[in-house]
C-alpha cells in the first residue's frame, strides 16, 4: 500500500486548526481571512460566517470606533506585543454575550501582503476562579472580624463583672486584686478591638494598642494620671496575635507595677515603653521608669508578686530573654524572635 504524504501547506493548515488557543488572521483592511477551530468555538461562529467580515464584529460595539486606528498603528510598528496592555479586554460572541479576553498580536508576512495574527485567550474561567477566591477571602475577613468582635465583647462583660464585684467588696486587698485582673482583661480585650478595627487580621498594630491601653492604665490609678507621664515609642511594630497577647500582658503588668510602686508620695516621673523590630525578626521591648527603683533585698526570682510571676511565664511562652535593671532607671528588657509561621 502506497504511503500517503501531505504537502507542507496542508500540514501547516492542520497544525493551525489544532493549536489549543483561538487564532484569527486579519488583513490590512481589517478583514478576517482565516480562523482556527477553537476560534469558531470561542466566538460561536463558523469560518464561513466570519471570513471576509471586519474583525470588529468580534468586539463589543462601544470599542469599535477606535479599533481601526489601533490596528493601523500596529501595522506601522510590526512588532509582536500584547493588545490593550493594562486594560481589561472583552470579546463578543455571536449570541451577543461578552467575555473577558487576553490578546496577543503578531505581524505575519504572506504572499498577499502583511497580516495580523491574533492569539486570543478566553479568560472567563480564570475570572470566575478569581471571583470565587475573592468571595472566599471576603467571607473569611467577615468571619474573623466577627470573631474578634465577639471575643472583645465577652472580655468586656468579664471586665464589668469584676468591676461589680470590686464595688461590693470592702476588703481593700481583694479590691486591688480585682482591679489588677480588670486591667489584664482590658489588655486582652484591646488586642481584639485593635484587630476588629484593622484591615489586617493577622497583625496587631502595637502602637495603636499601646495608645489605647496605657492612658487607661494611668486613669485606673487615680491621681497618678496627672503626675506620671507615659511615653510610647512603638516604631510602627506589628505583631501576630500569638505574640501580641503575651506581649500586651507583659506591658500591662510592668507598667502597672511601675505606677503602683515606683512613685510614692505624689512623686512625679515618667514611664517609657519602647518596642522595636530589629534584624532577623527579633523584637526588643523595654519598660523603664525614673521612679524609686526596685529594692536590693527583693528577690525577683522568688517574688510572691503575681504580676512578676506572669511576666516570667509569658517570657517563657515567647521563648524570650528578660533582663532587669533595678534603678536609674528601672528597666525590664525583653527580647524574643517572631514566629514567622504564625
C-alpha atoms as a PDB file:
ATOM      1  CA  UNK A   1       0.000   0.000   0.000  1.00  0.00           C
ATOM      2  CA  UNK A   2       1.458   3.365  -1.013  1.00  0.00           C
ATOM      3  CA  UNK A   3       2.435   5.703   1.815  1.00  0.00           C
ATOM      4  CA  UNK A   4       0.243   8.784   1.907  1.00  0.00           C
ATOM      5  CA  UNK A   5       2.054  12.105   2.129  1.00  0.00           C
ATOM      6  CA  UNK A   6       0.684  15.591   2.723  1.00  0.00           C
ATOM      7  CA  UNK A   7       2.107  18.880   1.480  1.00  0.00           C
ATOM      8  CA  UNK A   8       3.711  21.492   3.730  1.00  0.00           C
ATOM      9  CA  UNK A   9       0.828  23.933   3.340  1.00  0.00           C
ATOM     10  CA  UNK A  10      -1.703  21.252   4.226  1.00  0.00           C
ATOM     11  CA  UNK A  11       0.388  20.248   7.248  1.00  0.00           C
ATOM     12  CA  UNK A  12       0.627  23.846   8.461  1.00  0.00           C
ATOM     13  CA  UNK A  13      -3.099  24.228   7.925  1.00  0.00           C
ATOM     14  CA  UNK A  14      -3.832  21.207  10.124  1.00  0.00           C
ATOM     15  CA  UNK A  15      -1.452  22.467  12.792  1.00  0.00           C
ATOM     16  CA  UNK A  16      -3.140  25.892  12.705  1.00  0.00           C
ATOM     17  CA  UNK A  17      -6.522  24.278  13.320  1.00  0.00           C
ATOM     18  CA  UNK A  18      -5.282  22.080  16.150  1.00  0.00           C
ATOM     19  CA  UNK A  19      -3.401  24.722  18.179  1.00  0.00           C
ATOM     20  CA  UNK A  20      -5.187  24.866  21.594  1.00  0.00           C
ATOM     21  CA  UNK A  21      -5.726  28.641  21.508  1.00  0.00           C
ATOM     22  CA  UNK A  22      -8.112  30.708  19.410  1.00  0.00           C
ATOM     23  CA  UNK A  23      -6.336  32.282  16.422  1.00  0.00           C
ATOM     24  CA  UNK A  24      -7.654  34.817  13.909  1.00  0.00           C
ATOM     25  CA  UNK A  25      -5.790  36.213  10.880  1.00  0.00           C
ATOM     26  CA  UNK A  26      -6.717  39.730   9.693  1.00  0.00           C
ATOM     27  CA  UNK A  27      -5.520  41.588   6.574  1.00  0.00           C
ATOM     28  CA  UNK A  28      -4.608  45.254   6.194  1.00  0.00           C
ATOM     29  CA  UNK A  29      -8.248  46.165   5.570  1.00  0.00           C
ATOM     30  CA  UNK A  30      -9.288  44.624   8.868  1.00  0.00           C
ATOM     31  CA  UNK A  31     -10.982  41.668   7.164  1.00  0.00           C
ATOM     32  CA  UNK A  32     -10.836  38.204   8.684  1.00  0.00           C
ATOM     33  CA  UNK A  33      -9.031  35.886   6.277  1.00  0.00           C
ATOM     34  CA  UNK A  34      -8.690  32.798   8.430  1.00  0.00           C
ATOM     35  CA  UNK A  35      -9.522  31.423  11.885  1.00  0.00           C
ATOM     36  CA  UNK A  36      -8.952  28.086  13.553  1.00  0.00           C
ATOM     37  CA  UNK A  37     -11.434  25.666  15.070  1.00  0.00           C
ATOM     38  CA  UNK A  38     -11.039  26.938  18.634  1.00  0.00           C
ATOM     39  CA  UNK A  39     -11.753  30.500  17.444  1.00  0.00           C
ATOM     40  CA  UNK A  40     -15.004  29.210  15.912  1.00  0.00           C
ATOM     41  CA  UNK A  41     -15.928  27.546  19.207  1.00  0.00           C
ATOM     42  CA  UNK A  42     -14.902  30.554  21.301  1.00  0.00           C
ATOM     43  CA  UNK A  43     -16.939  33.090  19.337  1.00  0.00           C
ATOM     44  CA  UNK A  44     -19.781  30.798  18.264  1.00  0.00           C
ATOM     45  CA  UNK A  45     -19.352  31.319  14.504  1.00  0.00           C
ATOM     46  CA  UNK A  46     -18.380  29.055  11.638  1.00  0.00           C
ATOM     47  CA  UNK A  47     -15.451  30.036   9.434  1.00  0.00           C
ATOM     48  CA  UNK A  48     -17.764  30.751   6.501  1.00  0.00           C
ATOM     49  CA  UNK A  49     -19.701  33.265   8.623  1.00  0.00           C
ATOM     50  CA  UNK A  50     -16.581  35.238   9.572  1.00  0.00           C
ATOM     51  CA  UNK A  51     -14.185  35.112   6.623  1.00  0.00           C
ATOM     52  CA  UNK A  52     -14.436  38.402   4.791  1.00  0.00           C
ATOM     53  CA  UNK A  53     -16.075  40.148   7.759  1.00  0.00           C
ATOM     54  CA  UNK A  54     -14.451  43.070   9.557  1.00  0.00           C
ATOM     55  CA  UNK A  55     -12.674  41.893  12.715  1.00  0.00           C
ATOM     56  CA  UNK A  56     -14.669  44.473  14.707  1.00  0.00           C
ATOM     57  CA  UNK A  57     -17.599  42.047  14.580  1.00  0.00           C
ATOM     58  CA  UNK A  58     -15.773  40.136  17.357  1.00  0.00           C
ATOM     59  CA  UNK A  59     -15.546  43.068  19.779  1.00  0.00           C
ATOM     60  CA  UNK A  60     -18.296  44.957  21.703  1.00  0.00           C
ATOM     61  CA  UNK A  61     -19.806  47.874  19.791  1.00  0.00           C
ATOM     62  CA  UNK A  62     -18.527  50.502  22.248  1.00  0.00           C
ATOM     63  CA  UNK A  63     -14.930  49.673  21.307  1.00  0.00           C
ATOM     64  CA  UNK A  64     -15.414  49.519  17.523  1.00  0.00           C
ATOM     65  CA  UNK A  65     -14.933  53.197  16.541  1.00  0.00           C
ATOM     66  CA  UNK A  66     -11.382  53.338  17.954  1.00  0.00           C
ATOM     67  CA  UNK A  67     -10.295  49.851  16.876  1.00  0.00           C
ATOM     68  CA  UNK A  68      -9.300  50.567  13.222  1.00  0.00           C
ATOM     69  CA  UNK A  69      -6.865  53.225  14.449  1.00  0.00           C
ATOM     70  CA  UNK A  70      -5.245  50.755  16.855  1.00  0.00           C
ATOM     71  CA  UNK A  71      -4.964  48.225  14.028  1.00  0.00           C
ATOM     72  CA  UNK A  72      -3.272  50.667  11.672  1.00  0.00           C
ATOM     73  CA  UNK A  73      -0.891  51.722  14.417  1.00  0.00           C
ATOM     74  CA  UNK A  74       0.142  48.121  14.952  1.00  0.00           C
ATOM     75  CA  UNK A  75       0.721  47.536  11.241  1.00  0.00           C
ATOM     76  CA  UNK A  76       3.088  50.517  11.295  1.00  0.00           C
ATOM     77  CA  UNK A  77       5.057  49.058  14.255  1.00  0.00           C
ATOM     78  CA  UNK A  78       5.198  45.424  13.072  1.00  0.00           C
ATOM     79  CA  UNK A  79       6.354  44.145  16.473  1.00  0.00           C
ATOM     80  CA  UNK A  80       4.653  41.348  18.371  1.00  0.00           C
ATOM     81  CA  UNK A  81       3.033  42.594  21.584  1.00  0.00           C
ATOM     82  CA  UNK A  82       0.043  42.109  23.888  1.00  0.00           C
ATOM     83  CA  UNK A  83      -3.036  44.059  22.858  1.00  0.00           C
ATOM     84  CA  UNK A  84      -4.528  46.604  25.282  1.00  0.00           C
ATOM     85  CA  UNK A  85      -1.772  46.261  27.878  1.00  0.00           C
ATOM     86  CA  UNK A  86      -3.040  47.345  31.286  1.00  0.00           C
ATOM     87  CA  UNK A  87      -6.678  47.332  30.174  1.00  0.00           C
ATOM     88  CA  UNK A  88      -9.470  44.775  30.544  1.00  0.00           C
ATOM     89  CA  UNK A  89     -10.445  43.496  27.079  1.00  0.00           C
ATOM     90  CA  UNK A  90     -13.699  41.841  26.035  1.00  0.00           C
ATOM     91  CA  UNK A  91     -14.727  39.645  23.137  1.00  0.00           C
ATOM     92  CA  UNK A  92     -18.230  39.419  21.640  1.00  0.00           C
ATOM     93  CA  UNK A  93     -19.849  36.083  20.820  1.00  0.00           C
ATOM     94  CA  UNK A  94     -22.387  35.504  18.067  1.00  0.00           C
ATOM     95  CA  UNK A  95     -25.161  35.328  20.684  1.00  0.00           C
ATOM     96  CA  UNK A  96     -24.283  38.849  21.881  1.00  0.00           C
ATOM     97  CA  UNK A  97     -22.637  37.807  25.155  1.00  0.00           C
ATOM     98  CA  UNK A  98     -19.350  39.381  26.186  1.00  0.00           C
ATOM     99  CA  UNK A  99     -16.429  37.565  27.795  1.00  0.00           C
ATOM    100  CA  UNK A 100     -13.006  38.659  29.118  1.00  0.00           C
ATOM    101  CA  UNK A 101     -10.056  38.009  26.832  1.00  0.00           C
ATOM    102  CA  UNK A 102      -6.314  38.407  26.626  1.00  0.00           C
ATOM    103  CA  UNK A 103      -4.976  39.049  23.114  1.00  0.00           C
ATOM    104  CA  UNK A 104      -1.507  38.795  21.637  1.00  0.00           C
ATOM    105  CA  UNK A 105      -0.984  40.291  18.168  1.00  0.00           C
ATOM    106  CA  UNK A 106       1.804  39.332  15.790  1.00  0.00           C
ATOM    107  CA  UNK A 107       2.792  40.616  12.315  1.00  0.00           C
ATOM    108  CA  UNK A 108       2.801  37.965   9.583  1.00  0.00           C
ATOM    109  CA  UNK A 109       4.275  38.424   6.115  1.00  0.00           C
ATOM    110  CA  UNK A 110       2.312  36.494   3.455  1.00  0.00           C
ATOM    111  CA  UNK A 111       2.145  36.349  -0.318  1.00  0.00           C
ATOM    112  CA  UNK A 112      -0.944  38.541  -0.027  1.00  0.00           C
ATOM    113  CA  UNK A 113       0.895  41.196   1.970  1.00  0.00           C
ATOM    114  CA  UNK A 114       1.328  41.854   5.699  1.00  0.00           C
ATOM    115  CA  UNK A 115      -1.332  40.491   8.000  1.00  0.00           C
ATOM    116  CA  UNK A 116      -2.056  40.369  11.728  1.00  0.00           C
ATOM    117  CA  UNK A 117      -2.232  37.077  13.589  1.00  0.00           C
ATOM    118  CA  UNK A 118      -4.271  37.466  16.792  1.00  0.00           C
ATOM    119  CA  UNK A 119      -3.938  34.877  19.556  1.00  0.00           C
ATOM    120  CA  UNK A 120      -6.976  35.057  21.847  1.00  0.00           C
ATOM    121  CA  UNK A 121      -7.289  33.551  25.318  1.00  0.00           C
ATOM    122  CA  UNK A 122     -10.749  33.239  26.857  1.00  0.00           C
ATOM    123  CA  UNK A 123     -10.334  34.366  30.494  1.00  0.00           C
ATOM    124  CA  UNK A 124     -13.880  33.528  31.605  1.00  0.00           C
ATOM    125  CA  UNK A 125     -12.889  30.535  33.734  1.00  0.00           C
ATOM    126  CA  UNK A 126      -9.905  32.372  35.233  1.00  0.00           C
ATOM    127  CA  UNK A 127     -12.053  35.397  36.120  1.00  0.00           C
ATOM    128  CA  UNK A 128     -14.674  33.146  37.708  1.00  0.00           C
ATOM    129  CA  UNK A 129     -11.971  31.418  39.764  1.00  0.00           C
ATOM    130  CA  UNK A 130     -10.589  34.780  40.852  1.00  0.00           C
ATOM    131  CA  UNK A 131     -14.074  35.892  41.889  1.00  0.00           C
ATOM    132  CA  UNK A 132     -14.621  32.696  43.883  1.00  0.00           C
ATOM    133  CA  UNK A 133     -11.302  33.233  45.653  1.00  0.00           C
ATOM    134  CA  UNK A 134     -12.126  36.893  46.308  1.00  0.00           C
ATOM    135  CA  UNK A 135     -15.559  35.958  47.695  1.00  0.00           C
ATOM    136  CA  UNK A 136     -13.996  33.310  49.944  1.00  0.00           C
ATOM    137  CA  UNK A 137     -11.420  35.811  51.249  1.00  0.00           C
ATOM    138  CA  UNK A 138     -14.143  38.365  51.903  1.00  0.00           C
ATOM    139  CA  UNK A 139     -16.186  35.798  53.844  1.00  0.00           C
ATOM    140  CA  UNK A 140     -13.084  34.851  55.834  1.00  0.00           C
ATOM    141  CA  UNK A 141     -12.440  38.510  56.671  1.00  0.00           C
ATOM    142  CA  UNK A 142     -16.041  38.967  57.803  1.00  0.00           C
ATOM    143  CA  UNK A 143     -15.809  35.839  59.958  1.00  0.00           C
ATOM    144  CA  UNK A 144     -12.528  36.944  61.568  1.00  0.00           C
ATOM    145  CA  UNK A 145     -13.921  40.415  62.204  1.00  0.00           C
ATOM    146  CA  UNK A 146     -16.965  38.890  63.892  1.00  0.00           C
ATOM    147  CA  UNK A 147     -14.805  36.538  65.977  1.00  0.00           C
ATOM    148  CA  UNK A 148     -12.630  39.386  67.273  1.00  0.00           C
ATOM    149  CA  UNK A 149     -15.742  41.492  67.929  1.00  0.00           C
ATOM    150  CA  UNK A 150     -17.389  38.727  69.964  1.00  0.00           C
ATOM    151  CA  UNK A 151     -14.216  37.943  71.934  1.00  0.00           C
ATOM    152  CA  UNK A 152     -13.806  41.646  72.720  1.00  0.00           C
ATOM    153  CA  UNK A 153     -17.440  41.892  73.882  1.00  0.00           C
ATOM    154  CA  UNK A 154     -17.144  38.782  76.058  1.00  0.00           C
ATOM    155  CA  UNK A 155     -13.989  40.131  77.699  1.00  0.00           C
ATOM    156  CA  UNK A 156     -15.747  43.422  78.341  1.00  0.00           C
ATOM    157  CA  UNK A 157     -18.525  41.514  80.107  1.00  0.00           C
ATOM    158  CA  UNK A 158     -15.908  39.852  82.338  1.00  0.00           C
ATOM    159  CA  UNK A 159     -14.364  43.281  82.978  1.00  0.00           C
ATOM    160  CA  UNK A 160     -17.769  44.616  84.060  1.00  0.00           C
ATOM    161  CA  UNK A 161     -18.410  41.638  86.350  1.00  0.00           C
ATOM    162  CA  UNK A 162     -15.064  42.186  88.062  1.00  0.00           C
ATOM    163  CA  UNK A 163     -15.948  45.850  88.442  1.00  0.00           C
ATOM    164  CA  UNK A 164     -19.263  44.985  90.114  1.00  0.00           C
ATOM    165  CA  UNK A 165     -17.516  42.585  92.472  1.00  0.00           C
ATOM    166  CA  UNK A 166     -14.936  45.231  93.393  1.00  0.00           C
ATOM    167  CA  UNK A 167     -17.681  47.764  94.156  1.00  0.00           C
ATOM    168  CA  UNK A 168     -19.406  45.323  96.516  1.00  0.00           C
ATOM    169  CA  UNK A 169     -16.262  44.338  98.410  1.00  0.00           C
ATOM    170  CA  UNK A 170     -14.971  46.182 101.495  1.00  0.00           C
ATOM    171  CA  UNK A 171     -11.689  44.268 101.547  1.00  0.00           C
ATOM    172  CA  UNK A 172      -9.121  46.692 100.088  1.00  0.00           C
ATOM    173  CA  UNK A 173      -6.663  43.901  99.308  1.00  0.00           C
ATOM    174  CA  UNK A 174      -9.321  41.976  97.390  1.00  0.00           C
ATOM    175  CA  UNK A 175     -10.373  45.147  95.557  1.00  0.00           C
ATOM    176  CA  UNK A 176      -6.767  45.706  94.436  1.00  0.00           C
ATOM    177  CA  UNK A 177      -6.582  42.143  93.139  1.00  0.00           C
ATOM    178  CA  UNK A 178      -9.851  42.561  91.246  1.00  0.00           C
ATOM    179  CA  UNK A 179      -8.633  45.842  89.724  1.00  0.00           C
ATOM    180  CA  UNK A 180      -5.419  44.151  88.581  1.00  0.00           C
ATOM    181  CA  UNK A 181      -7.472  41.372  86.985  1.00  0.00           C
ATOM    182  CA  UNK A 182      -9.639  44.005  85.271  1.00  0.00           C
ATOM    183  CA  UNK A 183      -6.556  45.585  83.756  1.00  0.00           C
ATOM    184  CA  UNK A 184      -5.394  42.211  82.440  1.00  0.00           C
ATOM    185  CA  UNK A 185      -8.780  41.525  80.877  1.00  0.00           C
ATOM    186  CA  UNK A 186      -8.809  45.024  79.365  1.00  0.00           C
ATOM    187  CA  UNK A 187      -5.400  44.417  77.814  1.00  0.00           C
ATOM    188  CA  UNK A 188      -6.619  41.250  76.059  1.00  0.00           C
ATOM    189  CA  UNK A 189      -9.852  42.975  75.038  1.00  0.00           C
ATOM    190  CA  UNK A 190      -7.952  45.857  73.441  1.00  0.00           C
ATOM    191  CA  UNK A 191      -5.882  43.409  71.372  1.00  0.00           C
ATOM    192  CA  UNK A 192      -9.083  42.027  69.834  1.00  0.00           C
ATOM    193  CA  UNK A 193     -10.566  45.503  69.454  1.00  0.00           C
ATOM    194  CA  UNK A 194      -7.448  46.610  67.565  1.00  0.00           C
ATOM    195  CA  UNK A 195      -7.771  43.618  65.227  1.00  0.00           C
ATOM    196  CA  UNK A 196     -11.518  44.192  64.781  1.00  0.00           C
ATOM    197  CA  UNK A 197     -10.858  47.766  63.655  1.00  0.00           C
ATOM    198  CA  UNK A 198      -7.924  46.757  61.458  1.00  0.00           C
ATOM    199  CA  UNK A 199      -7.793  45.793  57.792  1.00  0.00           C
ATOM    200  CA  UNK A 200      -5.183  43.152  58.608  1.00  0.00           C
ATOM    201  CA  UNK A 201      -6.425  40.427  60.952  1.00  0.00           C
ATOM    202  CA  UNK A 202      -3.052  38.673  61.040  1.00  0.00           C
ATOM    203  CA  UNK A 203      -1.130  41.572  62.591  1.00  0.00           C
ATOM    204  CA  UNK A 204      -1.809  43.757  65.638  1.00  0.00           C
ATOM    205  CA  UNK A 205      -0.790  47.398  65.280  1.00  0.00           C
ATOM    206  CA  UNK A 206       1.062  47.563  68.601  1.00  0.00           C
ATOM    207  CA  UNK A 207       1.486  51.326  68.516  1.00  0.00           C
ATOM    208  CA  UNK A 208      -2.265  51.744  68.296  1.00  0.00           C
ATOM    209  CA  UNK A 209      -2.807  49.153  71.020  1.00  0.00           C
ATOM    210  CA  UNK A 210      -0.398  50.888  73.424  1.00  0.00           C
ATOM    211  CA  UNK A 211      -2.030  54.230  72.669  1.00  0.00           C
ATOM    212  CA  UNK A 212      -5.340  52.773  73.888  1.00  0.00           C
ATOM    213  CA  UNK A 213      -4.030  50.748  76.837  1.00  0.00           C
ATOM    214  CA  UNK A 214      -1.580  52.997  78.660  1.00  0.00           C
ATOM    215  CA  UNK A 215      -3.760  56.105  79.182  1.00  0.00           C
ATOM    216  CA  UNK A 216      -6.450  53.836  80.651  1.00  0.00           C
ATOM    217  CA  UNK A 217      -3.917  52.258  82.990  1.00  0.00           C
ATOM    218  CA  UNK A 218      -2.885  55.625  84.430  1.00  0.00           C
ATOM    219  CA  UNK A 219      -6.558  56.555  84.844  1.00  0.00           C
ATOM    220  CA  UNK A 220      -7.057  53.338  86.833  1.00  0.00           C
ATOM    221  CA  UNK A 221      -4.544  54.623  89.410  1.00  0.00           C
ATOM    222  CA  UNK A 222      -6.305  57.934  90.064  1.00  0.00           C
ATOM    223  CA  UNK A 223      -4.019  60.904  90.747  1.00  0.00           C
ATOM    224  CA  UNK A 224      -1.080  59.210  89.014  1.00  0.00           C
ATOM    225  CA  UNK A 225      -2.580  60.227  85.672  1.00  0.00           C
ATOM    226  CA  UNK A 226      -1.514  63.803  86.435  1.00  0.00           C
ATOM    227  CA  UNK A 227       1.901  63.137  87.988  1.00  0.00           C
ATOM    228  CA  UNK A 228       3.336  60.324  85.837  1.00  0.00           C
ATOM    229  CA  UNK A 229       3.961  60.841  82.135  1.00  0.00           C
ATOM    230  CA  UNK A 230       3.695  57.892  79.753  1.00  0.00           C
ATOM    231  CA  UNK A 231       5.976  57.862  76.703  1.00  0.00           C
ATOM    232  CA  UNK A 232       5.373  55.378  73.886  1.00  0.00           C
ATOM    233  CA  UNK A 233       7.950  54.515  71.239  1.00  0.00           C
ATOM    234  CA  UNK A 234       6.398  51.739  69.161  1.00  0.00           C
ATOM    235  CA  UNK A 235       8.194  52.310  65.815  1.00  0.00           C
ATOM    236  CA  UNK A 236       5.206  51.006  63.767  1.00  0.00           C
ATOM    237  CA  UNK A 237       5.648  47.489  65.162  1.00  0.00           C
ATOM    238  CA  UNK A 238       3.010  44.967  64.106  1.00  0.00           C
ATOM    239  CA  UNK A 239       2.795  41.606  65.880  1.00  0.00           C
ATOM    240  CA  UNK A 240       0.953  38.359  65.127  1.00  0.00           C
ATOM    241  CA  UNK A 241      -1.797  37.751  67.682  1.00  0.00           C
ATOM    242  CA  UNK A 242       0.124  34.826  69.237  1.00  0.00           C
ATOM    243  CA  UNK A 243       2.887  37.256  70.211  1.00  0.00           C
ATOM    244  CA  UNK A 244       0.697  40.333  70.696  1.00  0.00           C
ATOM    245  CA  UNK A 245      -1.384  38.929  73.578  1.00  0.00           C
ATOM    246  CA  UNK A 246       1.523  37.831  75.854  1.00  0.00           C
ATOM    247  CA  UNK A 247       3.460  40.968  74.898  1.00  0.00           C
ATOM    248  CA  UNK A 248       0.444  43.138  75.747  1.00  0.00           C
ATOM    249  CA  UNK A 249       0.034  41.416  79.099  1.00  0.00           C
ATOM    250  CA  UNK A 250       3.719  41.916  79.918  1.00  0.00           C
ATOM    251  CA  UNK A 251       3.386  45.640  79.206  1.00  0.00           C
ATOM    252  CA  UNK A 252       0.246  45.751  81.346  1.00  0.00           C
ATOM    253  CA  UNK A 253       1.957  44.070  84.311  1.00  0.00           C
ATOM    254  CA  UNK A 254       5.200  46.051  84.217  1.00  0.00           C
ATOM    255  CA  UNK A 255       3.577  49.450  83.683  1.00  0.00           C
ATOM    256  CA  UNK A 256       1.073  48.656  86.459  1.00  0.00           C
ATOM    257  CA  UNK A 257       3.936  47.731  88.818  1.00  0.00           C
ATOM    258  CA  UNK A 258       5.771  50.939  87.953  1.00  0.00           C
ATOM    259  CA  UNK A 259       2.675  53.040  88.645  1.00  0.00           C
ATOM    260  CA  UNK A 260       1.865  51.234  91.915  1.00  0.00           C
ATOM    261  CA  UNK A 261       5.338  51.026  93.434  1.00  0.00           C
ATOM    262  CA  UNK A 262       7.650  53.433  91.604  1.00  0.00           C
ATOM    263  CA  UNK A 263       6.161  56.802  92.510  1.00  0.00           C
ATOM    264  CA  UNK A 264       5.180  57.056  96.192  1.00  0.00           C
ATOM    265  CA  UNK A 265       4.066  60.230  97.987  1.00  0.00           C
ATOM    266  CA  UNK A 266       2.902  62.025  94.847  1.00  0.00           C
ATOM    267  CA  UNK A 267       6.357  61.749  93.279  1.00  0.00           C
ATOM    268  CA  UNK A 268       6.302  62.862  89.646  1.00  0.00           C
ATOM    269  CA  UNK A 269       8.091  60.946  86.926  1.00  0.00           C
ATOM    270  CA  UNK A 270       7.970  59.152  83.636  1.00  0.00           C
ATOM    271  CA  UNK A 271       7.296  55.632  82.377  1.00  0.00           C
ATOM    272  CA  UNK A 272       8.626  54.785  78.920  1.00  0.00           C
ATOM    273  CA  UNK A 273       7.546  51.847  76.771  1.00  0.00           C
ATOM    274  CA  UNK A 274       9.805  51.147  73.799  1.00  0.00           C
ATOM    275  CA  UNK A 275       9.266  48.339  71.302  1.00  0.00           C
ATOM    276  CA  UNK A 276      11.042  47.841  68.006  1.00  0.00           C
ATOM    277  CA  UNK A 277      11.749  45.153  65.430  1.00  0.00           C
ATOM    278  CA  UNK A 278      15.414  44.528  64.706  1.00  0.00           C
ATOM    279  CA  UNK A 279      17.267  42.437  62.159  1.00  0.00           C
ATOM    280  CA  UNK A 280      16.361  38.770  61.982  1.00  0.00           C
ATOM    281  CA  UNK A 281      12.703  39.180  63.062  1.00  0.00           C
ATOM    282  CA  UNK A 282      13.693  39.938  66.646  1.00  0.00           C
ATOM    283  CA  UNK A 283      11.527  42.133  68.846  1.00  0.00           C
ATOM    284  CA  UNK A 284      13.068  44.251  71.597  1.00  0.00           C
ATOM    285  CA  UNK A 285      10.664  45.515  74.273  1.00  0.00           C
ATOM    286  CA  UNK A 286      11.660  47.634  77.242  1.00  0.00           C
ATOM    287  CA  UNK A 287       9.609  49.203  80.025  1.00  0.00           C
ATOM    288  CA  UNK A 288      11.535  51.741  82.095  1.00  0.00           C
ATOM    289  CA  UNK A 289      10.742  54.366  84.712  1.00  0.00           C
ATOM    290  CA  UNK A 290      12.638  57.010  86.671  1.00  0.00           C
ATOM    291  CA  UNK A 291      10.913  56.191  89.965  1.00  0.00           C
ATOM    292  CA  UNK A 292      12.443  54.951  93.203  1.00  0.00           C
ATOM    293  CA  UNK A 293      13.688  51.644  91.800  1.00  0.00           C
ATOM    294  CA  UNK A 294      13.482  48.032  92.972  1.00  0.00           C
ATOM    295  CA  UNK A 295      14.881  47.371  96.491  1.00  0.00           C
ATOM    296  CA  UNK A 296      18.112  45.365  96.565  1.00  0.00           C
ATOM    297  CA  UNK A 297      16.678  42.917  99.097  1.00  0.00           C
ATOM    298  CA  UNK A 298      13.777  41.941  96.804  1.00  0.00           C
ATOM    299  CA  UNK A 299      14.478  38.547  95.222  1.00  0.00           C
ATOM    300  CA  UNK A 300      12.871  38.881  91.799  1.00  0.00           C
ATOM    301  CA  UNK A 301      13.327  35.172  91.090  1.00  0.00           C
ATOM    302  CA  UNK A 302      11.249  34.191  94.142  1.00  0.00           C
ATOM    303  CA  UNK A 303       8.826  37.061  94.477  1.00  0.00           C
ATOM    304  CA  UNK A 304       5.246  36.496  95.585  1.00  0.00           C
ATOM    305  CA  UNK A 305       4.055  39.154  93.117  1.00  0.00           C
ATOM    306  CA  UNK A 306       1.566  37.578  90.741  1.00  0.00           C
ATOM    307  CA  UNK A 307       2.421  40.261  88.177  1.00  0.00           C
ATOM    308  CA  UNK A 308       6.119  39.380  88.050  1.00  0.00           C
ATOM    309  CA  UNK A 309       5.307  35.669  88.016  1.00  0.00           C
ATOM    310  CA  UNK A 310       3.092  36.288  84.988  1.00  0.00           C
ATOM    311  CA  UNK A 311       5.874  38.256  83.295  1.00  0.00           C
ATOM    312  CA  UNK A 312       8.266  35.316  83.735  1.00  0.00           C
ATOM    313  CA  UNK A 313       5.704  32.810  82.455  1.00  0.00           C
ATOM    314  CA  UNK A 314       4.841  34.968  79.441  1.00  0.00           C
ATOM    315  CA  UNK A 315       8.540  35.449  78.668  1.00  0.00           C
ATOM    316  CA  UNK A 316       8.918  31.670  78.581  1.00  0.00           C
ATOM    317  CA  UNK A 317       5.857  31.442  76.334  1.00  0.00           C
ATOM    318  CA  UNK A 318       7.547  33.819  73.896  1.00  0.00           C
ATOM    319  CA  UNK A 319      10.850  31.880  74.191  1.00  0.00           C
ATOM    320  CA  UNK A 320      12.411  35.214  75.099  1.00  0.00           C
ATOM    321  CA  UNK A 321      15.132  36.546  77.380  1.00  0.00           C
ATOM    322  CA  UNK A 322      14.351  39.049  80.145  1.00  0.00           C
ATOM    323  CA  UNK A 323      16.938  41.387  81.672  1.00  0.00           C
ATOM    324  CA  UNK A 324      16.262  43.617  84.682  1.00  0.00           C
ATOM    325  CA  UNK A 325      17.953  46.823  85.779  1.00  0.00           C
ATOM    326  CA  UNK A 326      16.833  47.755  89.294  1.00  0.00           C
ATOM    327  CA  UNK A 327      17.269  51.552  89.232  1.00  0.00           C
ATOM    328  CA  UNK A 328      18.410  54.730  87.441  1.00  0.00           C
ATOM    329  CA  UNK A 329      16.287  53.954  85.531  1.00  0.00           C
ATOM    330  CA  UNK A 330      14.384  50.815  86.480  1.00  0.00           C
ATOM    331  CA  UNK A 331      14.191  48.834  83.267  1.00  0.00           C
ATOM    332  CA  UNK A 332      12.790  45.485  82.151  1.00  0.00           C
ATOM    333  CA  UNK A 333      14.186  44.491  78.748  1.00  0.00           C
ATOM    334  CA  UNK A 334      12.624  41.623  76.823  1.00  0.00           C
ATOM    335  CA  UNK A 335      13.973  40.187  73.586  1.00  0.00           C
ATOM    336  CA  UNK A 336      12.237  37.494  71.550  1.00  0.00           C
ATOM    337  CA  UNK A 337      12.069  36.288  67.964  1.00  0.00           C
ATOM    338  CA  UNK A 338       8.867  36.441  65.956  1.00  0.00           C
ATOM    339  CA  UNK A 339       7.350  33.148  64.922  1.00  0.00           C
ATOM    340  CA  UNK A 340       7.272  33.640  61.136  1.00  0.00           C
ATOM    341  CA  UNK A 341       4.879  30.674  60.788  1.00  0.00           C
ATOM    342  CA  UNK A 342       2.176  32.366  62.894  1.00  0.00           C
END
